[in-house]
Amino acid sequence: MKKYVINTVRDIDMIQTARDEGLEKGFKDGKKIGREEGEKIGRKEGLKEGEIKGMIQMLLLNLKTRLGQLSEKIENQIYSISDIDIITDLVKLSCT
């Protein structure tokens, strides 16, 4: 192993400059890696959030469809029933 002897101020300046350049390069590389990782995480989170929103929208659409079908059936049943007491009971049941 070769030993280096630092003799002059110029040698010290060169060493400090090399160290500073290395630190700066490492810092820039670290920022780049951090930014790339952050973008990946952001994309994953965005996809998860988008999937959840899509699932919620689909569930709401299905619920609206089911409620529409149910209200149509109830309406048809009410029209076919002539007894007012039965209609009142149906309204009470639908409210609970």
N, C-alpha and C. Protein backbone atom coordinates (compact mmCIF):
# COMPACT_ATOMS: atom_id res chain seq x y z
N MET A 1 0.84 -1.17 0.00
CA MET A 1 0.00 0.00 0.00
C MET A 1 0.89 1.24 0.00
N LYS A 2 0.57 2.13 -0.90
CA LYS A 2 1.39 3.33 -1.06
C LYS A 2 0.89 4.42 -0.12
N LYS A 3 1.80 5.09 0.54
CA LYS A 3 1.44 6.18 1.44
C LYS A 3 1.67 7.50 0.72
N TYR A 4 0.70 8.38 0.90
CA TYR A 4 0.83 9.71 0.30
C TYR A 4 1.23 10.70 1.38
N VAL A 5 2.14 11.54 1.00
CA VAL A 5 2.60 12.56 1.93
C VAL A 5 2.08 13.90 1.43
N ILE A 6 1.41 14.60 2.32
CA ILE A 6 0.88 15.91 1.96
C ILE A 6 1.93 16.94 2.36
N ASN A 7 2.43 17.64 1.35
CA ASN A 7 3.52 18.58 1.60
C ASN A 7 3.10 20.03 1.53
N THR A 8 2.18 20.34 0.67
CA THR A 8 1.92 21.75 0.43
C THR A 8 0.45 22.09 0.66
N VAL A 9 0.19 23.37 0.69
CA VAL A 9 -1.17 23.86 0.81
C VAL A 9 -1.95 23.45 -0.44
N ARG A 10 -1.26 23.43 -1.57
CA ARG A 10 -1.89 23.04 -2.84
C ARG A 10 -2.42 21.61 -2.74
N ASP A 11 -1.66 20.72 -2.14
CA ASP A 11 -2.10 19.33 -1.96
C ASP A 11 -3.37 19.28 -1.10
N ILE A 12 -3.38 20.07 -0.04
CA ILE A 12 -4.54 20.10 0.85
C ILE A 12 -5.76 20.63 0.10
N ASP A 13 -5.57 21.70 -0.69
CA ASP A 13 -6.67 22.26 -1.48
C ASP A 13 -7.21 21.25 -2.47
N MET A 14 -6.33 20.50 -3.10
CA MET A 14 -6.76 19.48 -4.08
C MET A 14 -7.58 18.39 -3.39
N ILE A 15 -7.13 18.00 -2.22
CA ILE A 15 -7.85 16.96 -1.47
C ILE A 15 -9.22 17.47 -1.05
N GLN A 16 -9.27 18.71 -0.54
CA GLN A 16 -10.56 19.27 -0.14
C GLN A 16 -11.50 19.44 -1.33
N THR A 17 -10.94 19.87 -2.46
CA THR A 17 -11.75 20.03 -3.67
C THR A 17 -12.31 18.69 -4.11
N ALA A 18 -11.45 17.67 -4.11
CA ALA A 18 -11.91 16.33 -4.50
C ALA A 18 -13.00 15.84 -3.55
N ARG A 19 -12.80 16.07 -2.26
CA ARG A 19 -13.80 15.67 -1.28
C ARG A 19 -15.11 16.41 -1.49
N ASP A 20 -15.03 17.72 -1.71
CA ASP A 20 -16.23 18.52 -1.93
C ASP A 20 -16.97 18.07 -3.18
N GLU A 21 -16.21 17.80 -4.25
CA GLU A 21 -16.84 17.33 -5.49
C GLU A 21 -17.52 15.98 -5.27
N GLY A 22 -16.86 15.11 -4.51
CA GLY A 22 -17.45 13.81 -4.19
C GLY A 22 -18.73 13.96 -3.38
N LEU A 23 -18.69 14.85 -2.39
CA LEU A 23 -19.89 15.09 -1.58
C LEU A 23 -21.02 15.65 -2.43
N GLU A 24 -20.68 16.61 -3.30
CA GLU A 24 -21.71 17.22 -4.15
C GLU A 24 -22.31 16.19 -5.10
N LYS A 25 -21.45 15.36 -5.70
CA LYS A 25 -21.94 14.32 -6.60
C LYS A 25 -22.82 13.33 -5.84
N GLY A 26 -22.37 12.94 -4.65
CA GLY A 26 -23.17 12.03 -3.83
C GLY A 26 -24.51 12.65 -3.46
N PHE A 27 -24.49 13.95 -3.16
CA PHE A 27 -25.73 14.64 -2.80
C PHE A 27 -26.68 14.68 -4.00
N LYS A 28 -26.13 15.00 -5.18
CA LYS A 28 -26.96 15.04 -6.39
C LYS A 28 -27.52 13.66 -6.71
N ASP A 29 -26.66 12.64 -6.60
CA ASP A 29 -27.12 11.27 -6.85
C ASP A 29 -28.20 10.88 -5.85
N GLY A 30 -28.00 11.26 -4.60
CA GLY A 30 -28.99 10.96 -3.56
C GLY A 30 -30.32 11.64 -3.84
N LYS A 31 -30.26 12.91 -4.28
CA LYS A 31 -31.49 13.63 -4.62
C LYS A 31 -32.20 12.96 -5.78
N LYS A 32 -31.41 12.54 -6.79
CA LYS A 32 -32.00 11.90 -7.97
C LYS A 32 -32.68 10.59 -7.57
N ILE A 33 -31.99 9.79 -6.78
CA ILE A 33 -32.57 8.51 -6.33
C ILE A 33 -33.81 8.77 -5.49
N GLY A 34 -33.74 9.75 -4.60
CA GLY A 34 -34.89 10.08 -3.77
C GLY A 34 -36.08 10.54 -4.60
N ARG A 35 -35.81 11.36 -5.62
CA ARG A 35 -36.88 11.84 -6.49
C ARG A 35 -37.51 10.68 -7.26
N GLU A 36 -36.66 9.79 -7.80
CA GLU A 36 -37.18 8.64 -8.54
C GLU A 36 -38.02 7.73 -7.65
N GLU A 37 -37.53 7.48 -6.44
CA GLU A 37 -38.29 6.64 -5.50
C GLU A 37 -39.60 7.32 -5.11
N GLY A 38 -39.53 8.63 -4.91
CA GLY A 38 -40.74 9.38 -4.58
C GLY A 38 -41.78 9.30 -5.69
N GLU A 39 -41.30 9.38 -6.95
CA GLU A 39 -42.22 9.28 -8.08
C GLU A 39 -42.84 7.89 -8.15
N LYS A 40 -42.03 6.86 -7.90
CA LYS A 40 -42.57 5.49 -7.91
C LYS A 40 -43.64 5.32 -6.84
N ILE A 41 -43.33 5.80 -5.64
CA ILE A 41 -44.29 5.69 -4.54
C ILE A 41 -45.55 6.48 -4.87
N GLY A 42 -45.37 7.68 -5.44
CA GLY A 42 -46.51 8.50 -5.81
C GLY A 42 -47.40 7.81 -6.84
N ARG A 43 -46.76 7.17 -7.84
CA ARG A 43 -47.54 6.44 -8.85
C ARG A 43 -48.31 5.30 -8.21
N LYS A 44 -47.64 4.55 -7.34
CA LYS A 44 -48.32 3.43 -6.68
C LYS A 44 -49.49 3.92 -5.85
N GLU A 45 -49.26 4.99 -5.09
CA GLU A 45 -50.33 5.55 -4.26
C GLU A 45 -51.47 6.06 -5.13
N GLY A 46 -51.11 6.70 -6.25
CA GLY A 46 -52.13 7.20 -7.16
C GLY A 46 -52.95 6.07 -7.76
N LEU A 47 -52.28 4.97 -8.12
CA LEU A 47 -53.00 3.82 -8.67
C LEU A 47 -53.93 3.23 -7.62
N LYS A 48 -53.43 3.08 -6.40
CA LYS A 48 -54.27 2.54 -5.33
C LYS A 48 -55.48 3.43 -5.10
N GLU A 49 -55.22 4.74 -5.04
CA GLU A 49 -56.31 5.69 -4.81
C GLU A 49 -57.30 5.64 -5.97
N GLY A 50 -56.79 5.56 -7.19
CA GLY A 50 -57.66 5.47 -8.36
C GLY A 50 -58.49 4.20 -8.35
N GLU A 51 -57.87 3.09 -7.97
CA GLU A 51 -58.60 1.82 -7.89
C GLU A 51 -59.71 1.92 -6.85
N ILE A 52 -59.39 2.49 -5.71
CA ILE A 52 -60.39 2.63 -4.64
C ILE A 52 -61.54 3.52 -5.11
N LYS A 53 -61.21 4.65 -5.75
CA LYS A 53 -62.26 5.55 -6.23
C LYS A 53 -63.12 4.84 -7.28
N GLY A 54 -62.48 4.10 -8.18
CA GLY A 54 -63.23 3.36 -9.19
C GLY A 54 -64.16 2.33 -8.58
N MET A 55 -63.66 1.62 -7.56
CA MET A 55 -64.49 0.62 -6.90
C MET A 55 -65.67 1.28 -6.19
N ILE A 56 -65.42 2.41 -5.55
CA ILE A 56 -66.50 3.12 -4.86
C ILE A 56 -67.54 3.60 -5.87
N GLN A 57 -67.08 4.14 -7.00
CA GLN A 57 -68.02 4.60 -8.02
C GLN A 57 -68.85 3.45 -8.56
N MET A 58 -68.20 2.30 -8.78
CA MET A 58 -68.93 1.13 -9.27
C MET A 58 -69.95 0.66 -8.24
N LEU A 59 -69.57 0.64 -6.97
CA LEU A 59 -70.51 0.25 -5.91
C LEU A 59 -71.70 1.21 -5.84
N LEU A 60 -71.42 2.50 -5.96
CA LEU A 60 -72.50 3.48 -5.94
C LEU A 60 -73.44 3.30 -7.13
N LEU A 61 -72.86 3.03 -8.29
CA LEU A 61 -73.68 2.80 -9.48
C LEU A 61 -74.56 1.56 -9.30
N ASN A 62 -73.96 0.49 -8.78
CA ASN A 62 -74.73 -0.73 -8.52
C ASN A 62 -75.83 -0.48 -7.49
N LEU A 63 -75.50 0.29 -6.46
CA LEU A 63 -76.49 0.60 -5.42
C LEU A 63 -77.64 1.41 -6.00
N LYS A 64 -77.32 2.41 -6.83
CA LYS A 64 -78.37 3.21 -7.46
C LYS A 64 -79.26 2.34 -8.34
N THR A 65 -78.63 1.43 -9.08
CA THR A 65 -79.40 0.53 -9.95
C THR A 65 -80.32 -0.35 -9.11
N ARG A 66 -79.77 -0.93 -8.05
CA ARG A 66 -80.58 -1.80 -7.18
C ARG A 66 -81.71 -1.02 -6.52
N LEU A 67 -81.41 0.17 -6.04
CA LEU A 67 -82.45 0.99 -5.41
C LEU A 67 -83.53 1.38 -6.42
N GLY A 68 -83.10 1.68 -7.64
CA GLY A 68 -84.07 2.01 -8.68
C GLY A 68 -84.98 0.84 -8.98
N GLN A 69 -84.39 -0.37 -9.08
CA GLN A 69 -85.19 -1.56 -9.34
C GLN A 69 -86.14 -1.83 -8.17
N LEU A 70 -85.64 -1.68 -6.96
CA LEU A 70 -86.45 -1.92 -5.77
C LEU A 70 -87.61 -0.92 -5.68
N SER A 71 -87.32 0.35 -5.93
CA SER A 71 -88.39 1.35 -5.86
C SER A 71 -89.43 1.12 -6.95
N GLU A 72 -88.99 0.65 -8.10
CA GLU A 72 -89.93 0.32 -9.18
C GLU A 72 -90.85 -0.83 -8.76
N LYS A 73 -90.26 -1.85 -8.14
CA LYS A 73 -91.06 -3.00 -7.68
C LYS A 73 -92.07 -2.56 -6.62
N ILE A 74 -91.61 -1.74 -5.67
CA ILE A 74 -92.50 -1.27 -4.61
C ILE A 74 -93.63 -0.43 -5.22
N GLU A 75 -93.28 0.42 -6.16
CA GLU A 75 -94.30 1.25 -6.81
C GLU A 75 -95.34 0.39 -7.52
N ASN A 76 -94.90 -0.64 -8.21
CA ASN A 76 -95.83 -1.55 -8.89
C ASN A 76 -96.72 -2.27 -7.89
N GLN A 77 -96.13 -2.67 -6.75
CA GLN A 77 -96.93 -3.34 -5.73
C GLN A 77 -97.96 -2.40 -5.13
N ILE A 78 -97.58 -1.15 -4.92
CA ILE A 78 -98.51 -0.18 -4.33
C ILE A 78 -99.69 0.05 -5.27
N TYR A 79 -99.41 0.15 -6.56
CA TYR A 79 -100.49 0.37 -7.52
C TYR A 79 -101.45 -0.81 -7.57
N SER A 80 -100.92 -2.01 -7.32
CA SER A 80 -101.79 -3.19 -7.40
C SER A 80 -102.58 -3.42 -6.11
N ILE A 81 -102.23 -2.73 -5.05
CA ILE A 81 -102.92 -2.93 -3.76
C ILE A 81 -103.95 -1.82 -3.59
N SER A 82 -105.12 -2.20 -3.20
CA SER A 82 -106.17 -1.18 -3.04
C SER A 82 -106.42 -0.83 -1.58
N ASP A 83 -105.95 -1.65 -0.69
CA ASP A 83 -106.22 -1.42 0.74
C ASP A 83 -105.23 -0.39 1.31
N ILE A 84 -105.71 0.70 1.84
CA ILE A 84 -104.88 1.79 2.36
C ILE A 84 -104.08 1.37 3.58
N ASP A 85 -104.58 0.46 4.40
CA ASP A 85 -103.84 0.01 5.58
C ASP A 85 -102.58 -0.74 5.18
N ILE A 86 -102.67 -1.54 4.15
CA ILE A 86 -101.49 -2.29 3.68
C ILE A 86 -100.45 -1.33 3.12
N ILE A 87 -100.91 -0.31 2.41
CA ILE A 87 -99.98 0.68 1.86
C ILE A 87 -99.27 1.41 3.01
N THR A 88 -100.00 1.75 4.05
CA THR A 88 -99.40 2.41 5.21
C THR A 88 -98.37 1.51 5.88
N ASP A 89 -98.68 0.23 5.99
CA ASP A 89 -97.72 -0.71 6.57
C ASP A 89 -96.46 -0.80 5.72
N LEU A 90 -96.62 -0.81 4.40
CA LEU A 90 -95.46 -0.86 3.51
C LEU A 90 -94.58 0.38 3.68
N VAL A 91 -95.22 1.53 3.82
CA VAL A 91 -94.46 2.77 4.01
C VAL A 91 -93.70 2.71 5.33
N LYS A 92 -94.34 2.23 6.37
CA LYS A 92 -93.67 2.11 7.67
C LYS A 92 -92.48 1.16 7.58
N LEU A 93 -92.65 0.04 6.87
CA LEU A 93 -91.56 -0.93 6.72
C LEU A 93 -90.41 -0.34 5.92
N SER A 94 -90.72 0.42 4.89
CA SER A 94 -89.65 0.98 4.07
C SER A 94 -88.88 2.07 4.80
N CYS A 95 -89.51 2.69 5.80
CA CYS A 95 -88.84 3.75 6.56
C CYS A 95 -87.94 3.19 7.65
N THR A 96 -88.11 1.94 8.02
CA THR A 96 -87.30 1.37 9.10
C THR A 96 -86.09 0.66 8.57
